[in-house]
Amino acid sequence: MSRLPVVSGQGLCKALQKIGYSMDHQTGSHIILRNQDPPYRRLTVPNHKEISKGTLRAIIRQAGLTVEELIDLI
């Protein structure tokens, strides 16, 4: 199992854009991403300098990725 990378909210959004997510809107410090392809998942990414480990792991799980796949995207 790979270690979780240290990534910012903007960096995570750029990585997720590579697999079909685009910015839907922003509410305060949270960026809402929506997948353009089925199953049309919606993700909420905090726009922080560093995303905490638990939050990052939850976003990876919701996106249907593994840690290794996220590292490849970054």
N, C-alpha and C. Protein backbone atom coordinates (compact mmCIF):
# COMPACT_ATOMS: atom_id res chain seq x y z
N MET A 1 0.84 -1.18 0.00
CA MET A 1 0.00 0.00 0.00
C MET A 1 0.89 1.24 0.00
N SER A 2 0.57 2.16 -0.89
CA SER A 2 1.35 3.38 -1.01
C SER A 2 0.91 4.41 0.03
N ARG A 3 1.84 5.28 0.34
CA ARG A 3 1.51 6.36 1.26
C ARG A 3 0.68 7.40 0.53
N LEU A 4 -0.15 8.09 1.27
CA LEU A 4 -0.96 9.15 0.68
C LEU A 4 -0.07 10.34 0.34
N PRO A 5 -0.26 10.94 -0.82
CA PRO A 5 0.54 12.13 -1.15
C PRO A 5 0.01 13.35 -0.41
N VAL A 6 0.86 14.34 -0.26
CA VAL A 6 0.45 15.62 0.30
C VAL A 6 0.04 16.47 -0.89
N VAL A 7 -1.23 16.87 -0.91
CA VAL A 7 -1.76 17.58 -2.07
C VAL A 7 -2.68 18.70 -1.60
N SER A 8 -2.72 19.78 -2.39
CA SER A 8 -3.62 20.89 -2.09
C SER A 8 -4.96 20.65 -2.78
N GLY A 9 -5.94 21.47 -2.45
CA GLY A 9 -7.25 21.35 -3.07
C GLY A 9 -7.18 21.60 -4.57
N GLN A 10 -6.43 22.63 -4.97
CA GLN A 10 -6.29 22.93 -6.40
C GLN A 10 -5.55 21.82 -7.13
N GLY A 11 -4.52 21.26 -6.51
CA GLY A 11 -3.77 20.17 -7.13
C GLY A 11 -4.63 18.93 -7.32
N LEU A 12 -5.48 18.64 -6.34
CA LEU A 12 -6.37 17.49 -6.44
C LEU A 12 -7.40 17.71 -7.53
N CYS A 13 -7.90 18.93 -7.66
CA CYS A 13 -8.87 19.23 -8.73
C CYS A 13 -8.25 19.04 -10.10
N LYS A 14 -7.01 19.48 -10.28
CA LYS A 14 -6.32 19.30 -11.56
C LYS A 14 -6.12 17.83 -11.88
N ALA A 15 -5.79 17.03 -10.87
CA ALA A 15 -5.60 15.60 -11.08
C ALA A 15 -6.92 14.94 -11.46
N LEU A 16 -8.01 15.32 -10.79
CA LEU A 16 -9.30 14.71 -11.06
C LEU A 16 -9.86 15.14 -12.42
N GLN A 17 -9.44 16.30 -12.92
CA GLN A 17 -9.88 16.74 -14.24
C GLN A 17 -9.35 15.82 -15.34
N LYS A 18 -8.24 15.18 -15.07
CA LYS A 18 -7.65 14.26 -16.06
C LYS A 18 -8.51 13.02 -16.27
N ILE A 19 -9.39 12.70 -15.31
CA ILE A 19 -10.23 11.51 -15.46
C ILE A 19 -11.70 11.87 -15.68
N GLY A 20 -11.97 13.11 -16.08
CA GLY A 20 -13.33 13.47 -16.49
C GLY A 20 -14.13 14.32 -15.54
N TYR A 21 -13.54 14.79 -14.44
CA TYR A 21 -14.27 15.67 -13.53
C TYR A 21 -14.05 17.11 -13.95
N SER A 22 -15.08 17.93 -13.81
CA SER A 22 -14.94 19.35 -14.09
C SER A 22 -15.61 20.13 -12.97
N MET A 23 -15.19 21.37 -12.81
CA MET A 23 -15.71 22.19 -11.72
C MET A 23 -17.16 22.56 -12.03
N ASP A 24 -18.04 22.24 -11.12
CA ASP A 24 -19.46 22.57 -11.26
C ASP A 24 -19.71 23.96 -10.66
N HIS A 25 -19.31 24.13 -9.40
CA HIS A 25 -19.41 25.42 -8.74
C HIS A 25 -18.57 25.40 -7.47
N GLN A 26 -18.48 26.55 -6.82
CA GLN A 26 -17.75 26.65 -5.56
C GLN A 26 -18.63 27.32 -4.54
N THR A 27 -18.68 26.74 -3.36
CA THR A 27 -19.43 27.30 -2.24
C THR A 27 -18.45 27.55 -1.11
N GLY A 28 -18.15 28.79 -0.86
CA GLY A 28 -17.17 29.13 0.17
C GLY A 28 -15.80 28.58 -0.20
N SER A 29 -15.24 27.73 0.67
CA SER A 29 -13.91 27.18 0.40
C SER A 29 -14.00 25.74 -0.11
N HIS A 30 -15.17 25.32 -0.61
CA HIS A 30 -15.34 23.97 -1.11
C HIS A 30 -15.66 23.99 -2.61
N ILE A 31 -14.88 23.24 -3.36
CA ILE A 31 -15.06 23.15 -4.81
C ILE A 31 -15.90 21.90 -5.09
N ILE A 32 -16.96 22.06 -5.86
CA ILE A 32 -17.83 20.94 -6.21
C ILE A 32 -17.47 20.51 -7.63
N LEU A 33 -17.04 19.25 -7.77
CA LEU A 33 -16.69 18.69 -9.06
C LEU A 33 -17.76 17.70 -9.49
N ARG A 34 -18.02 17.64 -10.79
CA ARG A 34 -18.99 16.68 -11.32
C ARG A 34 -18.35 15.92 -12.46
N ASN A 35 -18.59 14.61 -12.49
CA ASN A 35 -18.05 13.76 -13.55
C ASN A 35 -18.94 13.91 -14.78
N GLN A 36 -18.32 14.07 -15.95
CA GLN A 36 -19.06 14.27 -17.19
C GLN A 36 -19.57 12.96 -17.78
N ASP A 37 -19.02 11.83 -17.34
CA ASP A 37 -19.40 10.52 -17.85
C ASP A 37 -20.16 9.75 -16.77
N PRO A 38 -20.99 8.78 -17.17
CA PRO A 38 -21.66 7.96 -16.15
C PRO A 38 -20.63 7.33 -15.24
N PRO A 39 -20.85 7.23 -13.97
CA PRO A 39 -22.08 7.41 -13.20
C PRO A 39 -22.33 8.82 -12.69
N TYR A 40 -21.75 9.85 -13.29
CA TYR A 40 -22.01 11.26 -12.94
C TYR A 40 -21.79 11.53 -11.46
N ARG A 41 -20.68 11.07 -10.94
CA ARG A 41 -20.38 11.29 -9.52
C ARG A 41 -20.15 12.77 -9.23
N ARG A 42 -20.43 13.15 -8.00
CA ARG A 42 -20.20 14.52 -7.56
C ARG A 42 -19.27 14.46 -6.36
N LEU A 43 -18.19 15.25 -6.41
CA LEU A 43 -17.21 15.27 -5.32
C LEU A 43 -17.10 16.67 -4.75
N THR A 44 -16.87 16.75 -3.46
CA THR A 44 -16.62 18.02 -2.79
C THR A 44 -15.18 18.03 -2.32
N VAL A 45 -14.42 19.00 -2.81
CA VAL A 45 -12.99 19.10 -2.47
C VAL A 45 -12.76 20.41 -1.73
N PRO A 46 -12.22 20.34 -0.50
CA PRO A 46 -11.92 21.58 0.21
C PRO A 46 -10.75 22.31 -0.45
N ASN A 47 -10.89 23.60 -0.63
CA ASN A 47 -9.84 24.39 -1.27
C ASN A 47 -8.84 24.86 -0.21
N HIS A 48 -8.07 23.90 0.33
CA HIS A 48 -7.08 24.18 1.37
C HIS A 48 -5.69 23.96 0.81
N LYS A 49 -4.69 24.50 1.50
CA LYS A 49 -3.30 24.32 1.07
C LYS A 49 -2.88 22.87 1.18
N GLU A 50 -3.41 22.17 2.18
CA GLU A 50 -3.09 20.75 2.35
C GLU A 50 -4.35 20.04 2.82
N ILE A 51 -4.76 19.02 2.07
CA ILE A 51 -5.96 18.26 2.42
C ILE A 51 -5.56 17.19 3.44
N SER A 52 -6.33 17.08 4.51
CA SER A 52 -6.01 16.11 5.55
C SER A 52 -6.13 14.68 5.02
N LYS A 53 -5.44 13.76 5.67
CA LYS A 53 -5.36 12.38 5.20
C LYS A 53 -6.72 11.70 5.11
N GLY A 54 -7.54 11.88 6.14
CA GLY A 54 -8.85 11.24 6.15
C GLY A 54 -9.76 11.77 5.04
N THR A 55 -9.71 13.08 4.84
CA THR A 55 -10.52 13.69 3.78
C THR A 55 -10.04 13.23 2.42
N LEU A 56 -8.73 13.18 2.21
CA LEU A 56 -8.17 12.74 0.94
C LEU A 56 -8.54 11.29 0.66
N ARG A 57 -8.45 10.44 1.67
CA ARG A 57 -8.80 9.03 1.49
C ARG A 57 -10.28 8.88 1.13
N ALA A 58 -11.15 9.69 1.75
CA ALA A 58 -12.58 9.63 1.44
C ALA A 58 -12.85 10.09 0.01
N ILE A 59 -12.17 11.13 -0.45
CA ILE A 59 -12.35 11.62 -1.82
C ILE A 59 -11.87 10.58 -2.82
N ILE A 60 -10.74 9.93 -2.53
CA ILE A 60 -10.23 8.88 -3.41
C ILE A 60 -11.24 7.74 -3.52
N ARG A 61 -11.81 7.34 -2.40
CA ARG A 61 -12.80 6.26 -2.39
C ARG A 61 -14.06 6.66 -3.16
N GLN A 62 -14.53 7.91 -2.98
CA GLN A 62 -15.73 8.37 -3.67
C GLN A 62 -15.52 8.48 -5.17
N ALA A 63 -14.29 8.79 -5.58
CA ALA A 63 -13.98 8.90 -7.01
C ALA A 63 -13.79 7.54 -7.66
N GLY A 64 -13.71 6.48 -6.86
CA GLY A 64 -13.53 5.14 -7.40
C GLY A 64 -12.10 4.86 -7.81
N LEU A 65 -11.15 5.52 -7.15
CA LEU A 65 -9.72 5.36 -7.46
C LEU A 65 -9.01 4.61 -6.34
N THR A 66 -7.78 4.22 -6.63
CA THR A 66 -6.89 3.71 -5.60
C THR A 66 -5.84 4.78 -5.35
N VAL A 67 -5.09 4.64 -4.28
CA VAL A 67 -4.03 5.59 -3.96
C VAL A 67 -3.00 5.63 -5.09
N GLU A 68 -2.66 4.46 -5.62
CA GLU A 68 -1.66 4.38 -6.71
C GLU A 68 -2.15 5.11 -7.96
N GLU A 69 -3.44 4.99 -8.28
CA GLU A 69 -3.98 5.66 -9.45
C GLU A 69 -3.95 7.17 -9.26
N LEU A 70 -4.23 7.66 -8.04
CA LEU A 70 -4.17 9.09 -7.78
C LEU A 70 -2.74 9.60 -7.91
N ILE A 71 -1.79 8.85 -7.39
CA ILE A 71 -0.38 9.25 -7.49
C ILE A 71 0.04 9.36 -8.95
N ASP A 72 -0.41 8.45 -9.79
CA ASP A 72 -0.11 8.52 -11.23
C ASP A 72 -0.70 9.76 -11.88
N LEU A 73 -1.87 10.19 -11.41
CA LEU A 73 -2.52 11.39 -11.98
C LEU A 73 -1.82 12.67 -11.57
N ILE A 74 -1.24 12.65 -10.36
CA ILE A 74 -0.55 13.85 -9.87
C ILE A 74 0.80 13.91 -10.51
